[in-house]
Amino acid sequence: MQKLRFFIMLISVFAAAFNAHAQPSFKGGEQALDAYLKQHIIYPEFSSKNCIEATVKVSFRVDKNGKVSNVKTRDAVGLDLDDEAIRVVKMTTGKWTIPAGREAVNYLLPIRFTPDQSHCQAATKMTIAQAIATYRARQELENAVTNYYENKYAGKADTTKQSAIDALKKQLGFDDELIDELLEKAAAKLKQGDNEGACADWKFIRNIGSTRADDLLARYCK
């Protein structure tokens, strides 16, 4: 798979809060938050390859110790960008301060993903819209594969469907090349200290019928 290089442009990090008079502050200020997100966001595979850009609004709660919780998207775009925005916001836990006397504060942070247009010259509104529709339809097919293997590992799968699942995996491109890319992304997340994100990638590899991440799952995801 040809890899595209992308940059991420973040909406100015005034990050509209639910309560404008009790906003949390990222340690080091807005420039530090901007730099942190740019450094840690890994542009998701599907959106990067299809030149998809979007603004993902992430809401979360910050307590007096700077701990981040209740992280979720508001008006989710329904793409892999949502998961990546949530992942990187979770990683900011412990890096916030809130006004004295407050126990916790809610916050809304918009993050804009923008592909490098020099690599997207052939993309049009129509091709991007088609890619988004494909992604949403693809999710159901992916779930059919991962659910099958989860049940298989639990001894509950109808193994007479194995050939159909194999055909579906081929259709979806669940091959060694994809697994190589997932392992690379998981390694990058682990390097950032994001065990949860890395484990999610390794678990996905296992749940599409591969054993290539089993040792990593056993080592880091107990």
Foldseek 3Di string as FASTA:
>chain_A
DDAADWFWDFDQWPFDFPDPVKDKAFVVGRVVVRVLCRVQQDPDDLCQVQQDKDKWKWKWKQFQQQATDPIATDPGPQAVVRVRVSLSVNVSRRRIHIDPPGGMGMTIGITIGGTDVVVVVVHDPVSSVVSSVVRNVVVVLLCVQLVQLVCVVVVRHPCVCVVVLVVSCVVVVVDPVVLVVLQVVLVSCVVSVRLVVSLVSLSSNVSNPDCPCVVVCVVRPD
